[in-house]
Amino acid sequence: MRRADRYGDEVYRILADIIYKKINDPRISGIASLTGVEVSGDLTVARVFYSVYGSDEDRKKASDAFDRAKGFLRKELASRMRSKKVPRLVFMEDMSLRYGESIDRLLKSVAGIRDDKE
């Protein structure tokens, strides 16, 4: 396992704990969850992926909330990490859930067309 992968796993574990225990923002709590962290090879940037269960408006609110909490989360991360350097956090919505839902809808529509032809 690469060093950046191990570091990313640690960042993920710590951020998930902080978000679960210390963030009381309703725009995040209960509707957003972390799905992964990718850290650059030089360990200076961590792309934090999250998914949102809700409407497009909920996604926008969660994005804003993560951007506003970025400084707090980085400070908390610094206090818990064993490393001297703490990566810059970049929050990105994980689109795989939405992509999967669209594929599911397409497959169901194709199945519906087949049922009509039979």
PDB file of N, CA and C in Angstrom:
ATOM      1  N   MET A   1       0.850  -1.187   0.000  1.00  0.00           N
ATOM      2  CA  MET A   1       0.000   0.000   0.000  1.00  0.00           C
ATOM      3  C   MET A   1       0.891   1.244   0.000  1.00  0.00           C
ATOM      4  N   ARG A   2       0.563   2.168  -0.874  1.00  0.00           N
ATOM      5  CA  ARG A   2       1.346   3.409  -0.977  1.00  0.00           C
ATOM      6  C   ARG A   2       1.204   4.263   0.283  1.00  0.00           C
ATOM      7  N   ARG A   3       2.208   5.063   0.495  1.00  0.00           N
ATOM      8  CA  ARG A   3       2.209   5.970   1.649  1.00  0.00           C
ATOM      9  C   ARG A   3       1.018   6.925   1.595  1.00  0.00           C
ATOM     10  N   ALA A   4       0.727   7.476   0.415  1.00  0.00           N
ATOM     11  CA  ALA A   4      -0.401   8.400   0.264  1.00  0.00           C
ATOM     12  C   ALA A   4      -1.728   7.702   0.571  1.00  0.00           C
ATOM     13  N   ASP A   5      -1.841   6.415   0.217  1.00  0.00           N
ATOM     14  CA  ASP A   5      -3.067   5.665   0.511  1.00  0.00           C
ATOM     15  C   ASP A   5      -3.252   5.477   2.015  1.00  0.00           C
ATOM     16  N   ARG A   6      -2.176   5.127   2.698  1.00  0.00           N
ATOM     17  CA  ARG A   6      -2.243   4.960   4.162  1.00  0.00           C
ATOM     18  C   ARG A   6      -2.607   6.285   4.831  1.00  0.00           C
ATOM     19  N   TYR A   7      -1.981   7.343   4.350  1.00  0.00           N
ATOM     20  CA  TYR A   7      -2.236   8.684   4.877  1.00  0.00           C
ATOM     21  C   TYR A   7      -3.699   9.075   4.620  1.00  0.00           C
ATOM     22  N   GLY A   8      -4.189   8.775   3.423  1.00  0.00           N
ATOM     23  CA  GLY A   8      -5.583   9.051   3.075  1.00  0.00           C
ATOM     24  C   GLY A   8      -6.556   8.285   3.953  1.00  0.00           C
ATOM     25  N   ASP A   9      -6.226   7.037   4.258  1.00  0.00           N
ATOM     26  CA  ASP A   9      -7.080   6.241   5.148  1.00  0.00           C
ATOM     27  C   ASP A   9      -7.155   6.868   6.536  1.00  0.00           C
ATOM     28  N   GLU A  10      -6.015   7.362   7.014  1.00  0.00           N
ATOM     29  CA  GLU A  10      -5.996   8.007   8.327  1.00  0.00           C
ATOM     30  C   GLU A  10      -6.803   9.305   8.307  1.00  0.00           C
ATOM     31  N   VAL A  11      -6.637  10.105   7.265  1.00  0.00           N
ATOM     32  CA  VAL A  11      -7.412  11.350   7.132  1.00  0.00           C
ATOM     33  C   VAL A  11      -8.900  11.039   7.087  1.00  0.00           C
ATOM     34  N   TYR A  12      -9.287  10.024   6.320  1.00  0.00           N
ATOM     35  CA  TYR A  12     -10.689   9.624   6.208  1.00  0.00           C
ATOM     36  C   TYR A  12     -11.259   9.244   7.585  1.00  0.00           C
ATOM     37  N   ARG A  13     -10.535   8.380   8.275  1.00  0.00           N
ATOM     38  CA  ARG A  13     -11.003   7.898   9.580  1.00  0.00           C
ATOM     39  C   ARG A  13     -11.193   9.053  10.561  1.00  0.00           C
ATOM     40  N   ILE A  14     -10.232   9.959  10.614  1.00  0.00           N
ATOM     41  CA  ILE A  14     -10.294  11.079  11.553  1.00  0.00           C
ATOM     42  C   ILE A  14     -11.408  12.055  11.163  1.00  0.00           C
ATOM     43  N   LEU A  15     -11.495  12.411   9.869  1.00  0.00           N
ATOM     44  CA  LEU A  15     -12.543  13.343   9.430  1.00  0.00           C
ATOM     45  C   LEU A  15     -13.937  12.773   9.666  1.00  0.00           C
ATOM     46  N   ALA A  16     -14.116  11.483   9.383  1.00  0.00           N
ATOM     47  CA  ALA A  16     -15.425  10.861   9.610  1.00  0.00           C
ATOM     48  C   ALA A  16     -15.812  10.959  11.085  1.00  0.00           C
ATOM     49  N   ASP A  17     -14.852  10.743  11.960  1.00  0.00           N
ATOM     50  CA  ASP A  17     -15.108  10.835  13.403  1.00  0.00           C
ATOM     51  C   ASP A  17     -15.446  12.271  13.807  1.00  0.00           C
ATOM     52  N   ILE A  18     -14.706  13.234  13.295  1.00  0.00           N
ATOM     53  CA  ILE A  18     -14.956  14.647  13.624  1.00  0.00           C
ATOM     54  C   ILE A  18     -16.342  15.058  13.133  1.00  0.00           C
ATOM     55  N   ILE A  19     -16.661  14.706  11.897  1.00  0.00           N
ATOM     56  CA  ILE A  19     -17.961  15.086  11.332  1.00  0.00           C
ATOM     57  C   ILE A  19     -19.097  14.444  12.113  1.00  0.00           C
ATOM     58  N   TYR A  20     -18.915  13.182  12.489  1.00  0.00           N
ATOM     59  CA  TYR A  20     -19.960  12.474  13.233  1.00  0.00           C
ATOM     60  C   TYR A  20     -20.141  13.035  14.648  1.00  0.00           C
ATOM     61  N   LYS A  21     -19.038  13.373  15.311  1.00  0.00           N
ATOM     62  CA  LYS A  21     -19.108  13.766  16.717  1.00  0.00           C
ATOM     63  C   LYS A  21     -19.141  15.267  16.979  1.00  0.00           C
ATOM     64  N   LYS A  22     -18.571  16.082  16.075  1.00  0.00           N
ATOM     65  CA  LYS A  22     -18.409  17.498  16.397  1.00  0.00           C
ATOM     66  C   LYS A  22     -19.152  18.463  15.483  1.00  0.00           C
ATOM     67  N   ILE A  23     -19.617  18.008  14.346  1.00  0.00           N
ATOM     68  CA  ILE A  23     -20.329  18.901  13.428  1.00  0.00           C
ATOM     69  C   ILE A  23     -21.821  18.769  13.694  1.00  0.00           C
ATOM     70  N   ASN A  24     -22.435  19.864  14.059  1.00  0.00           N
ATOM     71  CA  ASN A  24     -23.869  19.866  14.340  1.00  0.00           C
ATOM     72  C   ASN A  24     -24.660  20.624  13.283  1.00  0.00           C
ATOM     73  N   ASP A  25     -24.096  20.751  12.108  1.00  0.00           N
ATOM     74  CA  ASP A  25     -24.732  21.492  11.027  1.00  0.00           C
ATOM     75  C   ASP A  25     -25.777  20.605  10.350  1.00  0.00           C
ATOM     76  N   PRO A  26     -27.044  21.015  10.343  1.00  0.00           N
ATOM     77  CA  PRO A  26     -28.096  20.176   9.737  1.00  0.00           C
ATOM     78  C   PRO A  26     -27.926  20.010   8.229  1.00  0.00           C
ATOM     79  N   ARG A  27     -27.111  20.853   7.608  1.00  0.00           N
ATOM     80  CA  ARG A  27     -26.872  20.710   6.169  1.00  0.00           C
ATOM     81  C   ARG A  27     -25.965  19.521   5.869  1.00  0.00           C
ATOM     82  N   ILE A  28     -25.289  19.021   6.906  1.00  0.00           N
ATOM     83  CA  ILE A  28     -24.393  17.875   6.745  1.00  0.00           C
ATOM     84  C   ILE A  28     -24.910  16.676   7.525  1.00  0.00           C
ATOM     85  N   SER A  29     -25.245  16.891   8.787  1.00  0.00           N
ATOM     86  CA  SER A  29     -25.634  15.799   9.668  1.00  0.00           C
ATOM     87  C   SER A  29     -26.851  15.057   9.120  1.00  0.00           C
ATOM     88  N   GLY A  30     -26.705  13.760   8.989  1.00  0.00           N
ATOM     89  CA  GLY A  30     -27.827  12.927   8.587  1.00  0.00           C
ATOM     90  C   GLY A  30     -28.051  12.807   7.096  1.00  0.00           C
ATOM     91  N   ILE A  31     -27.588  13.762   6.279  1.00  0.00           N
ATOM     92  CA  ILE A  31     -27.826  13.639   4.844  1.00  0.00           C
ATOM     93  C   ILE A  31     -26.547  13.479   4.044  1.00  0.00           C
ATOM     94  N   ALA A  32     -25.397  13.752   4.639  1.00  0.00           N
ATOM     95  CA  ALA A  32     -24.125  13.635   3.924  1.00  0.00           C
ATOM     96  C   ALA A  32     -23.230  12.629   4.631  1.00  0.00           C
ATOM     97  N   SER A  33     -22.484  11.894   3.837  1.00  0.00           N
ATOM     98  CA  SER A  33     -21.507  10.979   4.426  1.00  0.00           C
ATOM     99  C   SER A  33     -20.251  10.960   3.572  1.00  0.00           C
ATOM    100  N   LEU A  34     -19.129  10.763   4.227  1.00  0.00           N
ATOM    101  CA  LEU A  34     -17.863  10.684   3.509  1.00  0.00           C
ATOM    102  C   LEU A  34     -17.785   9.339   2.798  1.00  0.00           C
ATOM    103  N   THR A  35     -17.272   9.363   1.580  1.00  0.00           N
ATOM    104  CA  THR A  35     -17.147   8.124   0.815  1.00  0.00           C
ATOM    105  C   THR A  35     -15.695   7.764   0.525  1.00  0.00           C
ATOM    106  N   GLY A  36     -14.788   8.708   0.688  1.00  0.00           N
ATOM    107  CA  GLY A  36     -13.386   8.402   0.444  1.00  0.00           C
ATOM    108  C   GLY A  36     -12.508   9.632   0.506  1.00  0.00           C
ATOM    109  N   VAL A  37     -11.209   9.394   0.573  1.00  0.00           N
ATOM    110  CA  VAL A  37     -10.215  10.470   0.578  1.00  0.00           C
ATOM    111  C   VAL A  37      -9.067  10.035  -0.321  1.00  0.00           C
ATOM    112  N   GLU A  38      -8.672  10.927  -1.219  1.00  0.00           N
ATOM    113  CA  GLU A  38      -7.494  10.706  -2.061  1.00  0.00           C
ATOM    114  C   GLU A  38      -6.488  11.791  -1.721  1.00  0.00           C
ATOM    115  N   VAL A  39      -5.277  11.370  -1.392  1.00  0.00           N
ATOM    116  CA  VAL A  39      -4.231  12.317  -1.012  1.00  0.00           C
ATOM    117  C   VAL A  39      -3.186  12.366  -2.122  1.00  0.00           C
ATOM    118  N   SER A  40      -2.732  13.569  -2.431  1.00  0.00           N
ATOM    119  CA  SER A  40      -1.696  13.740  -3.460  1.00  0.00           C
ATOM    120  C   SER A  40      -0.415  13.038  -3.024  1.00  0.00           C
ATOM    121  N   GLY A  41       0.428  12.741  -3.986  1.00  0.00           N
ATOM    122  CA  GLY A  41       1.681  12.034  -3.709  1.00  0.00           C
ATOM    123  C   GLY A  41       2.585  12.745  -2.722  1.00  0.00           C
ATOM    124  N   ASP A  42       2.547  14.076  -2.728  1.00  0.00           N
ATOM    125  CA  ASP A  42       3.385  14.835  -1.786  1.00  0.00           C
ATOM    126  C   ASP A  42       2.657  15.124  -0.467  1.00  0.00           C
ATOM    127  N   LEU A  43       1.469  14.579  -0.296  1.00  0.00           N
ATOM    128  CA  LEU A  43       0.664  14.656   0.937  1.00  0.00           C
ATOM    129  C   LEU A  43       0.214  16.070   1.293  1.00  0.00           C
ATOM    130  N   THR A  44       0.172  16.972   0.334  1.00  0.00           N
ATOM    131  CA  THR A  44      -0.203  18.352   0.648  1.00  0.00           C
ATOM    132  C   THR A  44      -1.679  18.651   0.396  1.00  0.00           C
ATOM    133  N   VAL A  45      -2.349  17.813  -0.404  1.00  0.00           N
ATOM    134  CA  VAL A  45      -3.752  18.042  -0.732  1.00  0.00           C
ATOM    135  C   VAL A  45      -4.524  16.747  -0.527  1.00  0.00           C
ATOM    136  N   ALA A  46      -5.662  16.862   0.160  1.00  0.00           N
ATOM    137  CA  ALA A  46      -6.549  15.713   0.340  1.00  0.00           C
ATOM    138  C   ALA A  46      -7.899  16.039  -0.292  1.00  0.00           C
ATOM    139  N   ARG A  47      -8.265  15.264  -1.301  1.00  0.00           N
ATOM    140  CA  ARG A  47      -9.593  15.409  -1.905  1.00  0.00           C
ATOM    141  C   ARG A  47     -10.532  14.508  -1.118  1.00  0.00           C
ATOM    142  N   VAL A  48     -11.503  15.141  -0.476  1.00  0.00           N
ATOM    143  CA  VAL A  48     -12.443  14.431   0.390  1.00  0.00           C
ATOM    144  C   VAL A  48     -13.756  14.301  -0.366  1.00  0.00           C
ATOM    145  N   PHE A  49     -14.151  13.057  -0.622  1.00  0.00           N
ATOM    146  CA  PHE A  49     -15.377  12.802  -1.369  1.00  0.00           C
ATOM    147  C   PHE A  49     -16.520  12.515  -0.405  1.00  0.00           C
ATOM    148  N   TYR A  50     -17.674  13.071  -0.729  1.00  0.00           N
ATOM    149  CA  TYR A  50     -18.863  12.858   0.098  1.00  0.00           C
ATOM    150  C   TYR A  50     -20.065  12.625  -0.802  1.00  0.00           C
ATOM    151  N   SER A  51     -21.070  11.957  -0.256  1.00  0.00           N
ATOM    152  CA  SER A  51     -22.322  11.798  -0.981  1.00  0.00           C
ATOM    153  C   SER A  51     -23.433  12.420  -0.141  1.00  0.00           C
ATOM    154  N   VAL A  52     -24.454  12.875  -0.838  1.00  0.00           N
ATOM    155  CA  VAL A  52     -25.583  13.541  -0.181  1.00  0.00           C
ATOM    156  C   VAL A  52     -26.855  12.810  -0.571  1.00  0.00           C
ATOM    157  N   TYR A  53     -27.638  12.451   0.418  1.00  0.00           N
ATOM    158  CA  TYR A  53     -28.921  11.804   0.182  1.00  0.00           C
ATOM    159  C   TYR A  53     -29.993  12.868   0.274  1.00  0.00           C
ATOM    160  N   GLY A  54     -30.445  13.333  -0.861  1.00  0.00           N
ATOM    161  CA  GLY A  54     -31.450  14.384  -0.863  1.00  0.00           C
ATOM    162  C   GLY A  54     -31.549  15.055  -2.211  1.00  0.00           C
ATOM    163  N   SER A  55     -32.179  16.193  -2.217  1.00  0.00           N
ATOM    164  CA  SER A  55     -32.448  16.950  -3.438  1.00  0.00           C
ATOM    165  C   SER A  55     -31.197  17.712  -3.899  1.00  0.00           C
ATOM    166  N   ASP A  56     -31.334  18.357  -5.057  1.00  0.00           N
ATOM    167  CA  ASP A  56     -30.248  19.209  -5.552  1.00  0.00           C
ATOM    168  C   ASP A  56     -29.979  20.354  -4.584  1.00  0.00           C
ATOM    169  N   GLU A  57     -31.022  20.856  -3.954  1.00  0.00           N
ATOM    170  CA  GLU A  57     -30.862  21.931  -2.964  1.00  0.00           C
ATOM    171  C   GLU A  57     -30.063  21.429  -1.751  1.00  0.00           C
ATOM    172  N   ASP A  58     -30.348  20.196  -1.311  1.00  0.00           N
ATOM    173  CA  ASP A  58     -29.595  19.602  -0.203  1.00  0.00           C
ATOM    174  C   ASP A  58     -28.120  19.453  -0.572  1.00  0.00           C
ATOM    175  N   ARG A  59     -27.844  19.073  -1.820  1.00  0.00           N
ATOM    176  CA  ARG A  59     -26.460  18.933  -2.276  1.00  0.00           C
ATOM    177  C   ARG A  59     -25.730  20.272  -2.230  1.00  0.00           C
ATOM    178  N   LYS A  60     -26.402  21.318  -2.667  1.00  0.00           N
ATOM    179  CA  LYS A  60     -25.810  22.666  -2.655  1.00  0.00           C
ATOM    180  C   LYS A  60     -25.539  23.115  -1.217  1.00  0.00           C
ATOM    181  N   LYS A  61     -26.506  22.877  -0.339  1.00  0.00           N
ATOM    182  CA  LYS A  61     -26.334  23.257   1.063  1.00  0.00           C
ATOM    183  C   LYS A  61     -25.178  22.491   1.702  1.00  0.00           C
ATOM    184  N   ALA A  62     -25.077  21.204   1.396  1.00  0.00           N
ATOM    185  CA  ALA A  62     -23.984  20.397   1.957  1.00  0.00           C
ATOM    186  C   ALA A  62     -22.636  20.893   1.438  1.00  0.00           C
ATOM    187  N   SER A  63     -22.573  21.230   0.161  1.00  0.00           N
ATOM    188  CA  SER A  63     -21.338  21.754  -0.418  1.00  0.00           C
ATOM    189  C   SER A  63     -20.916  23.038   0.292  1.00  0.00           C
ATOM    190  N   ASP A  64     -21.872  23.929   0.495  1.00  0.00           N
ATOM    191  CA  ASP A  64     -21.581  25.180   1.213  1.00  0.00           C
ATOM    192  C   ASP A  64     -21.129  24.905   2.642  1.00  0.00           C
ATOM    193  N   ALA A  65     -21.786  23.966   3.296  1.00  0.00           N
ATOM    194  CA  ALA A  65     -21.455  23.654   4.686  1.00  0.00           C
ATOM    195  C   ALA A  65     -20.041  23.074   4.794  1.00  0.00           C
ATOM    196  N   PHE A  66     -19.674  22.179   3.883  1.00  0.00           N
ATOM    197  CA  PHE A  66     -18.325  21.620   3.913  1.00  0.00           C
ATOM    198  C   PHE A  66     -17.289  22.712   3.656  1.00  0.00           C
ATOM    199  N   ASP A  67     -17.583  23.606   2.720  1.00  0.00           N
ATOM    200  CA  ASP A  67     -16.643  24.704   2.451  1.00  0.00           C
ATOM    201  C   ASP A  67     -16.470  25.608   3.674  1.00  0.00           C
ATOM    202  N   ARG A  68     -17.555  25.875   4.369  1.00  0.00           N
ATOM    203  CA  ARG A  68     -17.475  26.727   5.566  1.00  0.00           C
ATOM    204  C   ARG A  68     -16.762  26.033   6.716  1.00  0.00           C
ATOM    205  N   ALA A  69     -16.905  24.707   6.815  1.00  0.00           N
ATOM    206  CA  ALA A  69     -16.309  23.951   7.924  1.00  0.00           C
ATOM    207  C   ALA A  69     -14.862  23.546   7.648  1.00  0.00           C
ATOM    208  N   LYS A  70     -14.368  23.833   6.471  1.00  0.00           N
ATOM    209  CA  LYS A  70     -13.044  23.390   6.040  1.00  0.00           C
ATOM    210  C   LYS A  70     -11.938  23.774   7.029  1.00  0.00           C
ATOM    211  N   GLY A  71     -11.931  25.015   7.485  1.00  0.00           N
ATOM    212  CA  GLY A  71     -10.900  25.473   8.420  1.00  0.00           C
ATOM    213  C   GLY A  71     -10.974  24.750   9.754  1.00  0.00           C
ATOM    214  N   PHE A  72     -12.186  24.617  10.280  1.00  0.00           N
ATOM    215  CA  PHE A  72     -12.395  23.903  11.542  1.00  0.00           C
ATOM    216  C   PHE A  72     -11.938  22.448  11.411  1.00  0.00           C
ATOM    217  N   LEU A  73     -12.325  21.809  10.312  1.00  0.00           N
ATOM    218  CA  LEU A  73     -11.972  20.407  10.118  1.00  0.00           C
ATOM    219  C   LEU A  73     -10.461  20.225   9.991  1.00  0.00           C
ATOM    220  N   ARG A  74      -9.808  21.137   9.320  1.00  0.00           N
ATOM    221  CA  ARG A  74      -8.353  21.037   9.162  1.00  0.00           C
ATOM    222  C   ARG A  74      -7.650  21.232  10.508  1.00  0.00           C
ATOM    223  N   LYS A  75      -8.153  22.161  11.306  1.00  0.00           N
ATOM    224  CA  LYS A  75      -7.577  22.398  12.635  1.00  0.00           C
ATOM    225  C   LYS A  75      -7.750  21.161  13.519  1.00  0.00           C
ATOM    226  N   GLU A  76      -8.940  20.576  13.503  1.00  0.00           N
ATOM    227  CA  GLU A  76      -9.195  19.362  14.281  1.00  0.00           C
ATOM    228  C   GLU A  76      -8.328  18.207  13.774  1.00  0.00           C
ATOM    229  N   LEU A  77      -8.193  18.118  12.476  1.00  0.00           N
ATOM    230  CA  LEU A  77      -7.367  17.080  11.869  1.00  0.00           C
ATOM    231  C   LEU A  77      -5.915  17.222  12.335  1.00  0.00           C
ATOM    232  N   ALA A  78      -5.422  18.450  12.361  1.00  0.00           N
ATOM    233  CA  ALA A  78      -4.047  18.714  12.793  1.00  0.00           C
ATOM    234  C   ALA A  78      -3.817  18.273  14.234  1.00  0.00           C
ATOM    235  N   SER A  79      -4.823  18.461  15.073  1.00  0.00           N
ATOM    236  CA  SER A  79      -4.654  18.104  16.481  1.00  0.00           C
ATOM    237  C   SER A  79      -4.660  16.591  16.702  1.00  0.00           C
ATOM    238  N   ARG A  80      -5.182  15.828  15.749  1.00  0.00           N
ATOM    239  CA  ARG A  80      -5.287  14.377  15.916  1.00  0.00           C
ATOM    240  C   ARG A  80      -4.294  13.565  15.090  1.00  0.00           C
ATOM    241  N   MET A  81      -3.668  14.185  14.122  1.00  0.00           N
ATOM    242  CA  MET A  81      -2.764  13.433  13.248  1.00  0.00           C
ATOM    243  C   MET A  81      -1.376  13.320  13.846  1.00  0.00           C
ATOM    244  N   ARG A  82      -0.706  12.261  13.449  1.00  0.00           N
ATOM    245  CA  ARG A  82       0.656  12.035  13.915  1.00  0.00           C
ATOM    246  C   ARG A  82       1.669  12.787  13.073  1.00  0.00           C
ATOM    247  N   SER A  83       1.235  13.279  11.938  1.00  0.00           N
ATOM    248  CA  SER A  83       2.118  13.969  10.998  1.00  0.00           C
ATOM    249  C   SER A  83       2.251  15.454  11.358  1.00  0.00           C
ATOM    250  N   LYS A  84       3.383  16.024  11.004  1.00  0.00           N
ATOM    251  CA  LYS A  84       3.588  17.456  11.243  1.00  0.00           C
ATOM    252  C   LYS A  84       2.800  18.297  10.249  1.00  0.00           C
ATOM    253  N   LYS A  85       2.699  17.811   9.019  1.00  0.00           N
ATOM    254  CA  LYS A  85       1.982  18.541   7.983  1.00  0.00           C
ATOM    255  C   LYS A  85       0.557  18.025   7.867  1.00  0.00           C
ATOM    256  N   VAL A  86      -0.354  18.960   7.651  1.00  0.00           N
ATOM    257  CA  VAL A  86      -1.758  18.601   7.471  1.00  0.00           C
ATOM    258  C   VAL A  86      -2.156  19.037   6.059  1.00  0.00           C
ATOM    259  N   PRO A  87      -2.765  18.139   5.306  1.00  0.00           N
ATOM    260  CA  PRO A  87      -3.093  18.486   3.920  1.00  0.00           C
ATOM    261  C   PRO A  87      -4.197  19.536   3.832  1.00  0.00           C
ATOM    262  N   ARG A  88      -4.177  20.280   2.731  1.00  0.00           N
ATOM    263  CA  ARG A  88      -5.270  21.202   2.416  1.00  0.00           C
ATOM    264  C   ARG A  88      -6.449  20.339   1.999  1.00  0.00           C
ATOM    265  N   LEU A  89      -7.620  20.634   2.527  1.00  0.00           N
ATOM    266  CA  LEU A  89      -8.813  19.833   2.249  1.00  0.00           C
ATOM    267  C   LEU A  89      -9.601  20.429   1.086  1.00  0.00           C
ATOM    268  N   VAL A  90      -9.928  19.571   0.142  1.00  0.00           N
ATOM    269  CA  VAL A  90     -10.759  19.953  -0.997  1.00  0.00           C
ATOM    270  C   VAL A  90     -11.953  18.994  -0.996  1.00  0.00           C
ATOM    271  N   PHE A  91     -13.142  19.521  -0.746  1.00  0.00           N
ATOM    272  CA  PHE A  91     -14.340  18.688  -0.690  1.00  0.00           C
ATOM    273  C   PHE A  91     -14.983  18.591  -2.063  1.00  0.00           C
ATOM    274  N   MET A  92     -15.323  17.353  -2.446  1.00  0.00           N
ATOM    275  CA  MET A  92     -15.919  17.102  -3.751  1.00  0.00           C
ATOM    276  C   MET A  92     -17.059  16.096  -3.588  1.00  0.00           C
ATOM    277  N   GLU A  93     -18.168  16.384  -4.247  1.00  0.00           N
ATOM    278  CA  GLU A  93     -19.284  15.442  -4.178  1.00  0.00           C
ATOM    279  C   GLU A  93     -18.931  14.194  -4.972  1.00  0.00           C
ATOM    280  N   ASP A  94     -19.172  13.047  -4.379  1.00  0.00           N
ATOM    281  CA  ASP A  94     -18.955  11.761  -5.042  1.00  0.00           C
ATOM    282  C   ASP A  94     -20.172  11.500  -5.928  1.00  0.00           C
ATOM    283  N   MET A  95     -19.970  11.548  -7.210  1.00  0.00           N
ATOM    284  CA  MET A  95     -21.080  11.422  -8.154  1.00  0.00           C
ATOM    285  C   MET A  95     -21.427   9.973  -8.472  1.00  0.00           C
ATOM    286  N   SER A  96     -20.709   9.010  -7.930  1.00  0.00           N
ATOM    287  CA  SER A  96     -20.958   7.613  -8.271  1.00  0.00           C
ATOM    288  C   SER A  96     -22.352   7.156  -7.848  1.00  0.00           C
ATOM    289  N   LEU A  97     -22.868   7.668  -6.736  1.00  0.00           N
ATOM    290  CA  LEU A  97     -24.206   7.295  -6.295  1.00  0.00           C
ATOM    291  C   LEU A  97     -25.252   7.799  -7.290  1.00  0.00           C
ATOM    292  N   ARG A  98     -25.126   9.047  -7.693  1.00  0.00           N
ATOM    293  CA  ARG A  98     -26.064   9.603  -8.681  1.00  0.00           C
ATOM    294  C   ARG A  98     -25.932   8.890 -10.020  1.00  0.00           C
ATOM    295  N   TYR A  99     -24.710   8.572 -10.408  1.00  0.00           N
ATOM    296  CA  TYR A  99     -24.485   7.862 -11.654  1.00  0.00           C
ATOM    297  C   TYR A  99     -25.138   6.479 -11.593  1.00  0.00           C
ATOM    298  N   GLY A 100     -24.984   5.798 -10.480  1.00  0.00           N
ATOM    299  CA  GLY A 100     -25.601   4.482 -10.296  1.00  0.00           C
ATOM    300  C   GLY A 100     -27.118   4.556 -10.360  1.00  0.00           C
ATOM    301  N   GLU A 101     -27.679   5.601  -9.762  1.00  0.00           N
ATOM    302  CA  GLU A 101     -29.131   5.771  -9.813  1.00  0.00           C
ATOM    303  C   GLU A 101     -29.613   5.984 -11.243  1.00  0.00           C
ATOM    304  N   SER A 102     -28.869   6.762 -12.025  1.00  0.00           N
ATOM    305  CA  SER A 102     -29.283   7.007 -13.413  1.00  0.00           C
ATOM    306  C   SER A 102     -29.174   5.728 -14.244  1.00  0.00           C
ATOM    307  N   ILE A 103     -28.143   4.919 -14.015  1.00  0.00           N
ATOM    308  CA  ILE A 103     -28.007   3.633 -14.714  1.00  0.00           C
ATOM    309  C   ILE A 103     -29.169   2.720 -14.328  1.00  0.00           C
ATOM    310  N   ASP A 104     -29.523   2.716 -13.048  1.00  0.00           N
ATOM    311  CA  ASP A 104     -30.637   1.896 -12.575  1.00  0.00           C
ATOM    312  C   ASP A 104     -31.942   2.301 -13.267  1.00  0.00           C
ATOM    313  N   ARG A 105     -32.190   3.617 -13.374  1.00  0.00           N
ATOM    314  CA  ARG A 105     -33.402   4.095 -14.059  1.00  0.00           C
ATOM    315  C   ARG A 105     -33.407   3.671 -15.525  1.00  0.00           C
ATOM    316  N   LEU A 106     -32.243   3.772 -16.185  1.00  0.00           N
ATOM    317  CA  LEU A 106     -32.152   3.360 -17.582  1.00  0.00           C
ATOM    318  C   LEU A 106     -32.441   1.874 -17.751  1.00  0.00           C
ATOM    319  N   LEU A 107     -31.877   1.065 -16.868  1.00  0.00           N
ATOM    320  CA  LEU A 107     -32.112  -0.378 -16.943  1.00  0.00           C
ATOM    321  C   LEU A 107     -33.584  -0.713 -16.711  1.00  0.00           C
ATOM    322  N   LYS A 108     -34.204  -0.009 -15.779  1.00  0.00           N
ATOM    323  CA  LYS A 108     -35.630  -0.245 -15.523  1.00  0.00           C
ATOM    324  C   LYS A 108     -36.478   0.179 -16.718  1.00  0.00           C
ATOM    325  N   SER A 109     -36.091   1.271 -17.384  1.00  0.00           N
ATOM    326  CA  SER A 109     -36.864   1.712 -18.548  1.00  0.00           C
ATOM    327  C   SER A 109     -36.696   0.724 -19.699  1.00  0.00           C
ATOM    328  N   VAL A 110     -35.505   0.158 -19.862  1.00  0.00           N
ATOM    329  CA  VAL A 110     -35.289  -0.850 -20.897  1.00  0.00           C
ATOM    330  C   VAL A 110     -36.100  -2.091 -20.576  1.00  0.00           C
ATOM    331  N   ALA A 111     -36.120  -2.482 -19.312  1.00  0.00           N
ATOM    332  CA  ALA A 111     -36.913  -3.648 -18.903  1.00  0.00           C
ATOM    333  C   ALA A 111     -38.392  -3.391 -19.167  1.00  0.00           C
ATOM    334  N   GLY A 112     -38.854  -2.170 -18.948  1.00  0.00           N
ATOM    335  CA  GLY A 112     -40.248  -1.809 -19.213  1.00  0.00           C
ATOM    336  C   GLY A 112     -40.567  -1.902 -20.689  1.00  0.00           C
ATOM    337  N   ILE A 113     -39.651  -1.507 -21.544  1.00  0.00           N
ATOM    338  CA  ILE A 113     -39.845  -1.595 -23.000  1.00  0.00           C
ATOM    339  C   ILE A 113     -39.930  -3.053 -23.423  1.00  0.00           C
ATOM    340  N   ARG A 114     -39.087  -3.891 -22.860  1.00  0.00           N
ATOM    341  CA  ARG A 114     -39.117  -5.323 -23.188  1.00  0.00           C
ATOM    342  C   ARG A 114     -40.439  -5.945 -22.764  1.00  0.00           C
ATOM    343  N   ASP A 115     -40.944  -5.566 -21.578  1.00  0.00           N
ATOM    344  CA  ASP A 115     -42.212  -6.103 -21.098  1.00  0.00           C
ATOM    345  C   ASP A 115     -43.354  -5.716 -22.032  1.00  0.00           C
ATOM    346  N   ASP A 116     -43.312  -4.503 -22.574  1.00  0.00           N
ATOM    347  CA  ASP A 116     -44.360  -4.024 -23.482  1.00  0.00           C
ATOM    348  C   ASP A 116     -44.351  -4.791 -24.800  1.00  0.00           C
ATOM    349  N   LYS A 117     -43.174  -5.194 -25.267  1.00  0.00           N
ATOM    350  CA  LYS A 117     -43.060  -5.895 -26.544  1.00  0.00           C
ATOM    351  C   LYS A 117     -43.506  -7.337 -26.431  1.00  0.00           C
ATOM    352  N   GLU A 118     -43.430  -7.916 -25.268  1.00  0.00           N
ATOM    353  CA  GLU A 118     -43.771  -9.337 -25.087  1.00  0.00           C
ATOM    354  C   GLU A 118     -45.247  -9.560 -24.968  1.00  0.00           C
TER     355      GLU A 118
END
